[in-house]
Amino acid sequence: MVQDGGIGQPPPPAEFDKLDVLIQLQRDTIAQLKKAMIIIPPDPEMLAMAGQLRAEAGRMFIPTWRVALACLAGVTTVLPFLVPPGWVTYRRKPLEISSDLYDPLLGLNVYSDAILINPVAPMPITGAFTVDMGEYVTQWTQLVVEVINGTANDAVVSFQVCTYLFDASYWDEFITPMIDKVAAKVEEIIK
C-alpha cells in the first residue's frame, strides 16, 4: 500500500500550500534582487552587448583590424589606429599583441586618446598578451601603439583590435542614458 505523498504520488493538500508559500517567497526575493542588481560602474563589455542587441542597421558595426608592423632594431616605431570621424568605440580589452621576437628589450607603450594606459612603461614584449584598457575607460577615438625595439634584431609585432564602433549620435542617445540611469540608481540606493 502506497501512502499519500509517496514516490510517484502527489503530495497531500497541506504540502501544496507549503510549496505555494515557498514559491511566492522565492518570487518576492527575486523581484527585490532585480531592483538591487546593477553593475557599478557599467562594464564597457556589457554596454557594448546591450548596444549590439538594440542597434539599428548602420549605427553600429564590429570591425577587426589586424596589422603586422616591421620594427627595426634600435628604432621606435609608432602606429595609430584611428576611429573614423563621427564614430566612437569603447572596449575594455581591445588590443591583442604578438611578435616573432620576444625579448625584455622589446617594449610597448599604448596611448588611448593621447593618454598612456600602460601599467608599466614600456611593457616588455616577452610573450603574446592583451592590453586591458582599464575598468573605467568608456570611449576612445584614437589608439596609438609605440614599439621600442632595444634589441639588436628586427622584429615583426602584430596587433589585432576588435572594436565596437558606434555612430556618435547613437552613443549619445543610448549609451550615455544607460550610464546616467546607473548613476541615478546608485544615488537612490545610497540615500
N, C-alpha and C. Protein backbone atom coordinates (compact mmCIF):
# COMPACT_ATOMS: atom_id res chain seq x y z
N MET A 1 0.84 -1.17 0.00
CA MET A 1 0.00 0.00 0.00
C MET A 1 0.89 1.24 0.00
N VAL A 2 0.61 2.19 -0.91
CA VAL A 2 1.40 3.41 -1.02
C VAL A 2 0.66 4.53 -0.30
N GLN A 3 1.39 5.26 0.55
CA GLN A 3 0.78 6.37 1.28
C GLN A 3 0.76 7.62 0.40
N ASP A 4 -0.14 8.57 0.76
CA ASP A 4 -0.16 9.85 0.04
C ASP A 4 1.21 10.50 0.14
N GLY A 5 1.66 11.03 -0.97
CA GLY A 5 2.95 11.71 -0.97
C GLY A 5 4.12 10.77 -1.17
N GLY A 6 3.87 9.47 -1.37
CA GLY A 6 4.95 8.53 -1.62
C GLY A 6 5.51 8.74 -3.02
N ILE A 7 6.49 7.95 -3.36
CA ILE A 7 7.12 8.08 -4.67
C ILE A 7 6.08 7.83 -5.75
N GLY A 8 6.01 8.74 -6.69
CA GLY A 8 5.05 8.61 -7.78
C GLY A 8 3.66 9.11 -7.44
N GLN A 9 3.46 9.58 -6.24
CA GLN A 9 2.14 10.07 -5.81
C GLN A 9 2.22 11.56 -5.52
N PRO A 10 1.14 12.29 -5.78
CA PRO A 10 1.16 13.73 -5.45
C PRO A 10 1.18 13.94 -3.95
N PRO A 11 1.79 15.04 -3.49
CA PRO A 11 1.80 15.32 -2.05
C PRO A 11 0.40 15.68 -1.57
N PRO A 12 0.15 15.52 -0.29
CA PRO A 12 -1.16 15.88 0.25
C PRO A 12 -1.40 17.38 0.13
N PRO A 13 -2.68 17.83 0.19
CA PRO A 13 -3.01 19.26 0.01
C PRO A 13 -2.25 20.21 0.92
N ALA A 14 -1.96 19.84 2.16
CA ALA A 14 -1.22 20.73 3.07
C ALA A 14 0.18 21.00 2.53
N GLU A 15 0.79 20.01 1.87
CA GLU A 15 2.12 20.20 1.29
C GLU A 15 2.06 21.17 0.11
N PHE A 16 0.96 21.15 -0.66
CA PHE A 16 0.80 22.10 -1.76
C PHE A 16 0.81 23.53 -1.23
N ASP A 17 0.13 23.75 -0.10
CA ASP A 17 0.10 25.09 0.49
C ASP A 17 1.51 25.55 0.88
N LYS A 18 2.30 24.63 1.45
CA LYS A 18 3.67 24.98 1.83
C LYS A 18 4.51 25.30 0.59
N LEU A 19 4.31 24.51 -0.46
CA LEU A 19 5.05 24.77 -1.70
C LEU A 19 4.66 26.12 -2.29
N ASP A 20 3.37 26.45 -2.27
CA ASP A 20 2.93 27.75 -2.78
C ASP A 20 3.58 28.90 -2.01
N VAL A 21 3.67 28.75 -0.69
CA VAL A 21 4.29 29.79 0.13
C VAL A 21 5.77 29.93 -0.24
N LEU A 22 6.47 28.80 -0.40
CA LEU A 22 7.89 28.85 -0.76
C LEU A 22 8.09 29.47 -2.15
N ILE A 23 7.24 29.11 -3.09
CA ILE A 23 7.35 29.67 -4.43
C ILE A 23 7.12 31.18 -4.40
N GLN A 24 6.13 31.62 -3.63
CA GLN A 24 5.86 33.06 -3.54
C GLN A 24 7.03 33.80 -2.87
N LEU A 25 7.61 33.20 -1.83
CA LEU A 25 8.78 33.81 -1.19
C LEU A 25 9.94 33.93 -2.18
N GLN A 26 10.13 32.89 -2.98
CA GLN A 26 11.20 32.93 -3.97
C GLN A 26 10.94 34.04 -4.99
N ARG A 27 9.72 34.16 -5.47
CA ARG A 27 9.39 35.22 -6.44
C ARG A 27 9.61 36.60 -5.84
N ASP A 28 9.18 36.79 -4.59
CA ASP A 28 9.36 38.09 -3.94
C ASP A 28 10.84 38.42 -3.77
N THR A 29 11.63 37.42 -3.38
CA THR A 29 13.07 37.63 -3.21
C THR A 29 13.73 37.99 -4.53
N ILE A 30 13.39 37.26 -5.59
CA ILE A 30 13.97 37.55 -6.90
C ILE A 30 13.58 38.95 -7.37
N ALA A 31 12.33 39.33 -7.13
CA ALA A 31 11.88 40.67 -7.53
C ALA A 31 12.69 41.75 -6.81
N GLN A 32 12.98 41.54 -5.52
CA GLN A 32 13.77 42.52 -4.77
C GLN A 32 15.21 42.53 -5.26
N LEU A 33 15.77 41.37 -5.58
CA LEU A 33 17.14 41.31 -6.07
C LEU A 33 17.28 42.02 -7.40
N LYS A 34 16.28 41.86 -8.28
CA LYS A 34 16.35 42.52 -9.58
C LYS A 34 16.45 44.04 -9.42
N LYS A 35 15.78 44.58 -8.43
CA LYS A 35 15.83 46.02 -8.20
C LYS A 35 17.23 46.45 -7.74
N ALA A 36 17.90 45.57 -7.00
CA ALA A 36 19.19 45.93 -6.42
C ALA A 36 20.37 45.56 -7.32
N MET A 37 20.13 44.73 -8.33
CA MET A 37 21.24 44.25 -9.16
C MET A 37 21.58 45.25 -10.26
N ILE A 38 22.61 46.00 -10.03
CA ILE A 38 23.16 46.87 -11.06
C ILE A 38 24.66 46.69 -11.04
N ILE A 39 25.27 46.92 -12.17
CA ILE A 39 26.72 46.78 -12.26
C ILE A 39 27.33 48.16 -12.10
N ILE A 40 28.23 48.29 -11.13
CA ILE A 40 28.85 49.58 -10.85
C ILE A 40 30.35 49.44 -11.03
N PRO A 41 30.99 50.22 -11.86
CA PRO A 41 30.37 51.07 -12.88
C PRO A 41 29.87 50.21 -14.03
N PRO A 42 29.11 50.77 -14.97
CA PRO A 42 28.65 49.95 -16.09
C PRO A 42 29.86 49.41 -16.84
N ASP A 43 29.94 48.11 -16.97
CA ASP A 43 31.06 47.47 -17.65
C ASP A 43 31.00 47.75 -19.15
N PRO A 44 32.09 48.22 -19.75
CA PRO A 44 32.06 48.52 -21.18
C PRO A 44 31.63 47.34 -22.05
N GLU A 45 32.05 46.13 -21.70
CA GLU A 45 31.65 44.96 -22.50
C GLU A 45 30.14 44.73 -22.41
N MET A 46 29.58 44.89 -21.21
CA MET A 46 28.15 44.70 -21.03
C MET A 46 27.37 45.76 -21.81
N LEU A 47 27.82 47.00 -21.75
CA LEU A 47 27.16 48.07 -22.50
C LEU A 47 27.25 47.82 -24.00
N ALA A 48 28.39 47.33 -24.46
CA ALA A 48 28.56 47.04 -25.88
C ALA A 48 27.60 45.95 -26.34
N MET A 49 27.44 44.91 -25.51
CA MET A 49 26.50 43.85 -25.88
C MET A 49 25.07 44.37 -25.91
N ALA A 50 24.71 45.20 -24.92
CA ALA A 50 23.37 45.78 -24.92
C ALA A 50 23.17 46.66 -26.15
N GLY A 51 24.17 47.44 -26.48
CA GLY A 51 24.10 48.28 -27.67
C GLY A 51 23.98 47.47 -28.94
N GLN A 52 24.69 46.35 -28.98
CA GLN A 52 24.64 45.48 -30.15
C GLN A 52 23.24 44.90 -30.32
N LEU A 53 22.61 44.49 -29.24
CA LEU A 53 21.27 43.92 -29.32
C LEU A 53 20.24 44.95 -29.78
N ARG A 54 20.45 46.19 -29.40
CA ARG A 54 19.46 47.23 -29.67
C ARG A 54 19.77 48.05 -30.94
N ALA A 55 20.97 47.96 -31.43
CA ALA A 55 21.42 48.86 -32.51
C ALA A 55 20.58 48.73 -33.78
N GLU A 56 20.39 49.87 -34.39
CA GLU A 56 19.72 49.92 -35.68
C GLU A 56 20.78 49.74 -36.76
N ALA A 57 20.36 49.22 -37.89
CA ALA A 57 21.29 48.98 -39.00
C ALA A 57 22.04 50.26 -39.35
N GLY A 58 23.34 50.12 -39.51
CA GLY A 58 24.16 51.25 -39.91
C GLY A 58 24.64 52.14 -38.78
N ARG A 59 24.19 51.90 -37.56
CA ARG A 59 24.60 52.75 -36.44
C ARG A 59 25.65 52.07 -35.56
N MET A 60 25.94 50.81 -35.84
CA MET A 60 26.95 50.09 -35.08
C MET A 60 27.51 48.99 -35.96
N PHE A 61 28.82 48.79 -35.90
CA PHE A 61 29.42 47.62 -36.52
C PHE A 61 30.68 47.25 -35.75
N ILE A 62 31.14 46.01 -35.98
CA ILE A 62 32.25 45.48 -35.19
C ILE A 62 33.36 45.03 -36.15
N PRO A 63 34.22 45.95 -36.54
CA PRO A 63 35.34 45.54 -37.40
C PRO A 63 36.51 45.02 -36.56
N THR A 64 37.31 44.18 -37.18
CA THR A 64 38.56 43.73 -36.58
C THR A 64 39.69 44.21 -37.47
N TRP A 65 40.58 44.98 -36.89
CA TRP A 65 41.74 45.49 -37.63
C TRP A 65 42.95 44.68 -37.22
N ARG A 66 43.69 44.19 -38.23
CA ARG A 66 44.92 43.43 -37.97
C ARG A 66 46.07 44.09 -38.73
N VAL A 67 47.19 44.23 -38.04
CA VAL A 67 48.36 44.86 -38.64
C VAL A 67 49.61 44.14 -38.14
N ALA A 68 50.53 43.87 -39.06
CA ALA A 68 51.86 43.38 -38.70
C ALA A 68 52.83 44.52 -38.97
N LEU A 69 53.54 44.94 -37.94
CA LEU A 69 54.39 46.12 -38.01
C LEU A 69 55.86 45.72 -37.98
N ALA A 70 56.62 46.14 -39.00
CA ALA A 70 58.06 45.89 -39.03
C ALA A 70 58.74 46.88 -38.09
N CYS A 71 59.42 46.36 -37.09
CA CYS A 71 60.09 47.19 -36.08
C CYS A 71 61.59 46.94 -36.16
N LEU A 72 62.30 47.90 -36.72
CA LEU A 72 63.74 47.75 -36.92
C LEU A 72 64.50 47.79 -35.59
N ALA A 73 65.61 47.09 -35.54
CA ALA A 73 66.45 47.06 -34.34
C ALA A 73 66.89 48.47 -33.98
N GLY A 74 66.77 48.81 -32.69
CA GLY A 74 67.23 50.10 -32.19
C GLY A 74 66.34 51.28 -32.55
N VAL A 75 65.15 51.03 -33.08
CA VAL A 75 64.26 52.11 -33.55
C VAL A 75 62.92 52.03 -32.82
N THR A 76 62.30 53.20 -32.58
CA THR A 76 60.94 53.26 -32.05
C THR A 76 59.99 53.44 -33.22
N THR A 77 58.99 52.56 -33.31
CA THR A 77 58.02 52.58 -34.40
C THR A 77 56.65 52.89 -33.83
N VAL A 78 55.94 53.83 -34.46
CA VAL A 78 54.63 54.28 -33.97
C VAL A 78 53.55 53.92 -34.99
N LEU A 79 52.42 53.43 -34.50
CA LEU A 79 51.29 53.09 -35.36
C LEU A 79 50.00 53.61 -34.72
N PRO A 80 49.28 54.52 -35.40
CA PRO A 80 47.98 54.96 -34.88
C PRO A 80 46.84 54.13 -35.46
N PHE A 81 45.88 53.79 -34.62
CA PHE A 81 44.61 53.20 -35.06
C PHE A 81 43.58 54.31 -34.89
N LEU A 82 43.05 54.81 -35.98
CA LEU A 82 42.12 55.93 -35.92
C LEU A 82 40.69 55.45 -36.10
N VAL A 83 39.81 55.91 -35.24
CA VAL A 83 38.38 55.65 -35.39
C VAL A 83 37.86 56.65 -36.41
N PRO A 84 37.03 56.21 -37.36
CA PRO A 84 36.52 57.15 -38.37
C PRO A 84 35.78 58.32 -37.73
N PRO A 85 35.85 59.52 -38.33
CA PRO A 85 35.14 60.68 -37.79
C PRO A 85 33.64 60.40 -37.66
N GLY A 86 33.05 60.88 -36.57
CA GLY A 86 31.62 60.68 -36.33
C GLY A 86 31.29 59.37 -35.63
N TRP A 87 32.33 58.61 -35.29
CA TRP A 87 32.13 57.33 -34.62
C TRP A 87 32.92 57.34 -33.31
N VAL A 88 32.48 56.53 -32.35
CA VAL A 88 33.23 56.31 -31.12
C VAL A 88 33.30 54.81 -30.89
N THR A 89 34.26 54.41 -30.11
CA THR A 89 34.37 53.00 -29.75
C THR A 89 34.78 52.90 -28.29
N TYR A 90 34.50 51.78 -27.73
CA TYR A 90 34.98 51.51 -26.37
C TYR A 90 34.93 50.01 -26.15
N ARG A 91 35.99 49.52 -25.62
CA ARG A 91 36.09 48.13 -25.20
C ARG A 91 37.13 48.12 -24.11
N ARG A 92 37.00 47.20 -23.21
CA ARG A 92 37.97 47.12 -22.14
C ARG A 92 39.26 46.46 -22.61
N LYS A 93 39.16 45.43 -23.40
CA LYS A 93 40.35 44.71 -23.86
C LYS A 93 40.36 44.66 -25.39
N PRO A 94 40.69 45.77 -26.02
CA PRO A 94 40.59 45.77 -27.47
C PRO A 94 41.85 45.36 -28.22
N LEU A 95 43.00 45.27 -27.57
CA LEU A 95 44.25 45.16 -28.31
C LEU A 95 45.02 43.89 -27.94
N GLU A 96 45.21 43.01 -28.93
CA GLU A 96 46.00 41.79 -28.74
C GLU A 96 47.34 41.97 -29.43
N ILE A 97 48.41 41.57 -28.74
CA ILE A 97 49.76 41.77 -29.26
C ILE A 97 50.48 40.42 -29.32
N SER A 98 51.20 40.21 -30.42
CA SER A 98 52.10 39.06 -30.54
C SER A 98 53.30 39.50 -31.38
N SER A 99 54.34 38.70 -31.39
CA SER A 99 55.55 39.09 -32.11
C SER A 99 56.32 37.85 -32.56
N ASP A 100 57.18 38.04 -33.55
CA ASP A 100 58.07 36.94 -33.94
C ASP A 100 59.33 36.94 -33.09
N LEU A 101 59.49 37.96 -32.24
CA LEU A 101 60.63 38.06 -31.34
C LEU A 101 60.11 38.46 -29.96
N TYR A 102 60.44 37.67 -28.96
CA TYR A 102 60.06 38.01 -27.59
C TYR A 102 61.34 38.29 -26.81
N ASP A 103 61.42 39.49 -26.26
CA ASP A 103 62.64 39.91 -25.58
C ASP A 103 62.27 41.04 -24.62
N PRO A 104 62.82 41.05 -23.41
CA PRO A 104 62.53 42.14 -22.47
C PRO A 104 62.93 43.52 -23.00
N LEU A 105 63.85 43.56 -23.98
CA LEU A 105 64.27 44.84 -24.54
C LEU A 105 63.36 45.32 -25.67
N LEU A 106 62.36 44.52 -26.00
CA LEU A 106 61.34 44.92 -26.98
C LEU A 106 60.14 45.39 -26.16
N GLY A 107 59.84 46.69 -26.22
CA GLY A 107 58.82 47.26 -25.34
C GLY A 107 57.67 47.89 -26.09
N LEU A 108 56.56 48.07 -25.39
CA LEU A 108 55.35 48.61 -25.99
C LEU A 108 54.72 49.65 -25.07
N ASN A 109 54.36 50.79 -25.64
CA ASN A 109 53.53 51.78 -24.96
C ASN A 109 52.23 51.89 -25.75
N VAL A 110 51.12 52.02 -25.03
CA VAL A 110 49.81 52.16 -25.67
C VAL A 110 49.16 53.43 -25.14
N TYR A 111 48.68 54.25 -26.06
CA TYR A 111 48.03 55.51 -25.72
C TYR A 111 46.59 55.47 -26.22
N SER A 112 45.66 55.83 -25.37
CA SER A 112 44.26 55.97 -25.75
C SER A 112 43.93 57.45 -25.69
N ASP A 113 43.65 58.05 -26.83
CA ASP A 113 43.40 59.49 -26.92
C ASP A 113 44.50 60.28 -26.22
N ALA A 114 45.75 59.93 -26.53
CA ALA A 114 46.96 60.60 -26.05
C ALA A 114 47.26 60.36 -24.57
N ILE A 115 46.53 59.46 -23.92
CA ILE A 115 46.79 59.14 -22.51
C ILE A 115 47.46 57.77 -22.44
N LEU A 116 48.63 57.71 -21.81
CA LEU A 116 49.34 56.45 -21.64
C LEU A 116 48.52 55.54 -20.73
N ILE A 117 48.23 54.32 -21.19
CA ILE A 117 47.41 53.41 -20.38
C ILE A 117 48.19 52.21 -19.85
N ASN A 118 49.48 52.19 -20.10
CA ASN A 118 50.31 51.07 -19.62
C ASN A 118 50.39 51.06 -18.10
N PRO A 119 50.38 49.86 -17.50
CA PRO A 119 50.68 49.80 -16.07
C PRO A 119 52.17 50.01 -15.82
N VAL A 120 53.01 49.64 -16.80
CA VAL A 120 54.46 49.81 -16.76
C VAL A 120 54.86 50.38 -18.11
N ALA A 121 55.75 51.34 -18.14
CA ALA A 121 56.14 51.93 -19.43
C ALA A 121 57.63 51.74 -19.64
N PRO A 122 58.05 51.14 -20.70
CA PRO A 122 57.23 50.38 -21.65
C PRO A 122 56.95 48.97 -21.12
N MET A 123 55.89 48.34 -21.64
CA MET A 123 55.58 46.95 -21.29
C MET A 123 56.49 46.05 -22.11
N PRO A 124 57.26 45.17 -21.48
CA PRO A 124 58.14 44.29 -22.25
C PRO A 124 57.32 43.25 -23.02
N ILE A 125 57.69 43.03 -24.26
CA ILE A 125 57.01 42.03 -25.08
C ILE A 125 57.79 40.72 -24.93
N THR A 126 57.41 39.96 -23.92
CA THR A 126 58.08 38.68 -23.64
C THR A 126 57.16 37.50 -23.95
N GLY A 127 56.00 37.79 -24.51
CA GLY A 127 55.02 36.79 -24.90
C GLY A 127 53.78 37.52 -25.40
N ALA A 128 52.88 36.77 -26.03
CA ALA A 128 51.64 37.38 -26.52
C ALA A 128 50.78 37.81 -25.33
N PHE A 129 50.06 38.92 -25.47
CA PHE A 129 49.18 39.39 -24.40
C PHE A 129 48.11 40.32 -24.96
N THR A 130 47.13 40.62 -24.12
CA THR A 130 46.05 41.55 -24.46
C THR A 130 46.16 42.76 -23.56
N VAL A 131 46.06 43.94 -24.15
CA VAL A 131 46.12 45.18 -23.36
C VAL A 131 44.74 45.46 -22.81
N ASP A 132 44.68 45.63 -21.49
CA ASP A 132 43.44 45.96 -20.79
C ASP A 132 43.35 47.47 -20.67
N MET A 133 42.27 48.04 -21.18
CA MET A 133 42.11 49.50 -21.16
C MET A 133 41.73 50.01 -19.78
N GLY A 134 41.40 49.12 -18.86
CA GLY A 134 41.03 49.54 -17.51
C GLY A 134 39.53 49.51 -17.32
N GLU A 135 39.12 49.43 -16.08
CA GLU A 135 37.70 49.32 -15.73
C GLU A 135 36.89 50.53 -16.15
N TYR A 136 37.48 51.71 -16.15
CA TYR A 136 36.69 52.92 -16.27
C TYR A 136 36.81 53.62 -17.62
N VAL A 137 37.51 53.00 -18.58
CA VAL A 137 37.62 53.60 -19.90
C VAL A 137 36.27 53.43 -20.60
N THR A 138 35.72 54.51 -21.11
CA THR A 138 34.42 54.40 -21.77
C THR A 138 34.53 54.52 -23.27
N GLN A 139 35.14 55.53 -23.77
CA GLN A 139 35.21 55.67 -25.22
C GLN A 139 36.56 56.24 -25.63
N TRP A 140 36.94 55.92 -26.85
CA TRP A 140 38.17 56.49 -27.39
C TRP A 140 37.99 56.70 -28.88
N THR A 141 38.76 57.64 -29.41
CA THR A 141 38.71 57.94 -30.84
C THR A 141 40.04 57.66 -31.52
N GLN A 142 41.08 57.40 -30.74
CA GLN A 142 42.38 57.07 -31.32
C GLN A 142 43.15 56.19 -30.35
N LEU A 143 43.76 55.15 -30.89
CA LEU A 143 44.64 54.28 -30.13
C LEU A 143 45.99 54.32 -30.84
N VAL A 144 47.05 54.62 -30.10
CA VAL A 144 48.39 54.68 -30.69
C VAL A 144 49.27 53.68 -29.98
N VAL A 145 49.96 52.85 -30.77
CA VAL A 145 50.93 51.92 -30.20
C VAL A 145 52.32 52.38 -30.59
N GLU A 146 53.23 52.23 -29.64
CA GLU A 146 54.62 52.64 -29.84
C GLU A 146 55.50 51.46 -29.44
N VAL A 147 56.20 50.90 -30.42
CA VAL A 147 57.08 49.77 -30.16
C VAL A 147 58.51 50.28 -30.08
N ILE A 148 59.16 50.01 -28.96
CA ILE A 148 60.54 50.44 -28.73
C ILE A 148 61.41 49.18 -28.84
N ASN A 149 62.13 49.08 -29.94
CA ASN A 149 62.95 47.90 -30.16
C ASN A 149 64.38 48.19 -29.69
N GLY A 150 64.68 47.78 -28.48
CA GLY A 150 66.01 47.98 -27.91
C GLY A 150 66.92 46.79 -28.14
N THR A 151 66.51 45.87 -29.02
CA THR A 151 67.33 44.69 -29.28
C THR A 151 68.22 44.92 -30.50
N ALA A 152 69.08 43.96 -30.78
CA ALA A 152 69.94 44.03 -31.96
C ALA A 152 69.29 43.35 -33.17
N ASN A 153 68.02 42.93 -33.01
CA ASN A 153 67.32 42.20 -34.07
C ASN A 153 66.06 42.95 -34.49
N ASP A 154 65.74 42.86 -35.78
CA ASP A 154 64.45 43.38 -36.25
C ASP A 154 63.35 42.47 -35.72
N ALA A 155 62.14 43.02 -35.58
CA ALA A 155 61.00 42.24 -35.10
C ALA A 155 59.77 42.60 -35.91
N VAL A 156 58.86 41.65 -36.01
CA VAL A 156 57.54 41.92 -36.59
C VAL A 156 56.55 41.77 -35.45
N VAL A 157 55.95 42.87 -35.05
CA VAL A 157 54.98 42.86 -33.96
C VAL A 157 53.60 42.98 -34.58
N SER A 158 52.72 42.06 -34.19
CA SER A 158 51.36 42.02 -34.75
C SER A 158 50.35 42.53 -33.73
N PHE A 159 49.38 43.27 -34.25
CA PHE A 159 48.32 43.84 -33.42
C PHE A 159 46.98 43.43 -34.00
N GLN A 160 46.06 43.14 -33.11
CA GLN A 160 44.68 42.90 -33.53
C GLN A 160 43.77 43.71 -32.62
N VAL A 161 42.93 44.52 -33.23
CA VAL A 161 42.00 45.37 -32.48
C VAL A 161 40.58 45.02 -32.94
N CYS A 162 39.78 44.52 -32.01
CA CYS A 162 38.37 44.27 -32.31
C CYS A 162 37.58 45.37 -31.62
N THR A 163 36.95 46.22 -32.41
CA THR A 163 36.26 47.38 -31.84
C THR A 163 34.75 47.26 -31.99
N TYR A 164 34.04 47.93 -31.12
CA TYR A 164 32.60 48.13 -31.28
C TYR A 164 32.47 49.58 -31.71
N LEU A 165 32.22 49.82 -32.98
CA LEU A 165 32.08 51.20 -33.46
C LEU A 165 30.61 51.62 -33.39
N PHE A 166 30.38 52.73 -32.69
CA PHE A 166 29.04 53.30 -32.57
C PHE A 166 29.01 54.64 -33.27
N ASP A 167 27.96 54.90 -34.01
CA ASP A 167 27.71 56.24 -34.51
C ASP A 167 27.67 57.14 -33.28
N ALA A 168 28.34 58.27 -33.33
CA ALA A 168 28.44 59.14 -32.14
C ALA A 168 27.07 59.54 -31.62
N SER A 169 26.09 59.74 -32.51
CA SER A 169 24.75 60.11 -32.04
C SER A 169 24.08 58.93 -31.33
N TYR A 170 24.39 57.70 -31.74
CA TYR A 170 23.84 56.52 -31.06
C TYR A 170 24.41 56.43 -29.65
N TRP A 171 25.69 56.76 -29.52
CA TRP A 171 26.31 56.81 -28.20
C TRP A 171 25.53 57.77 -27.31
N ASP A 172 25.24 58.96 -27.83
CA ASP A 172 24.54 59.98 -27.04
C ASP A 172 23.10 59.57 -26.73
N GLU A 173 22.44 58.88 -27.67
CA GLU A 173 21.03 58.50 -27.48
C GLU A 173 20.86 57.27 -26.61
N PHE A 174 21.82 56.33 -26.65
CA PHE A 174 21.61 55.05 -25.98
C PHE A 174 22.58 54.80 -24.83
N ILE A 175 23.88 54.90 -25.07
CA ILE A 175 24.86 54.54 -24.05
C ILE A 175 24.90 55.55 -22.91
N THR A 176 24.97 56.84 -23.24
CA THR A 176 25.02 57.86 -22.19
C THR A 176 23.80 57.77 -21.26
N PRO A 177 22.56 57.63 -21.78
CA PRO A 177 21.42 57.48 -20.86
C PRO A 177 21.52 56.24 -19.97
N MET A 178 22.09 55.14 -20.49
CA MET A 178 22.25 53.95 -19.65
C MET A 178 23.20 54.23 -18.49
N ILE A 179 24.30 54.91 -18.78
CA ILE A 179 25.26 55.25 -17.74
C ILE A 179 24.61 56.20 -16.72
N ASP A 180 23.85 57.18 -17.21
CA ASP A 180 23.16 58.11 -16.32
C ASP A 180 22.14 57.38 -15.44
N LYS A 181 21.44 56.39 -16.01
CA LYS A 181 20.45 55.64 -15.24
C LYS A 181 21.12 54.86 -14.11
N VAL A 182 22.27 54.26 -14.39
CA VAL A 182 23.00 53.55 -13.34
C VAL A 182 23.42 54.51 -12.25
N ALA A 183 23.91 55.69 -12.63
CA ALA A 183 24.31 56.70 -11.63
C ALA A 183 23.12 57.10 -10.76
N ALA A 184 21.95 57.29 -11.38
CA ALA A 184 20.75 57.66 -10.62
C ALA A 184 20.34 56.54 -9.67
N LYS A 185 20.44 55.28 -10.12
CA LYS A 185 20.09 54.14 -9.26
C LYS A 185 21.04 54.06 -8.06
N VAL A 186 22.31 54.31 -8.31
CA VAL A 186 23.29 54.28 -7.21
C VAL A 186 22.94 55.35 -6.19
N GLU A 187 22.64 56.56 -6.65
CA GLU A 187 22.26 57.64 -5.73
C GLU A 187 21.01 57.27 -4.95
N GLU A 188 20.05 56.62 -5.62
CA GLU A 188 18.81 56.20 -4.96
C GLU A 188 19.09 55.16 -3.88
N ILE A 189 19.97 54.22 -4.16
CA ILE A 189 20.31 53.18 -3.19
C ILE A 189 21.06 53.76 -2.00
N ILE A 190 21.95 54.72 -2.26
CA ILE A 190 22.76 55.32 -1.19
C ILE A 190 21.90 56.12 -0.22
N LYS A 191 20.87 56.77 -0.73
CA LYS A 191 20.03 57.63 0.13
C LYS A 191 19.28 56.87 1.16
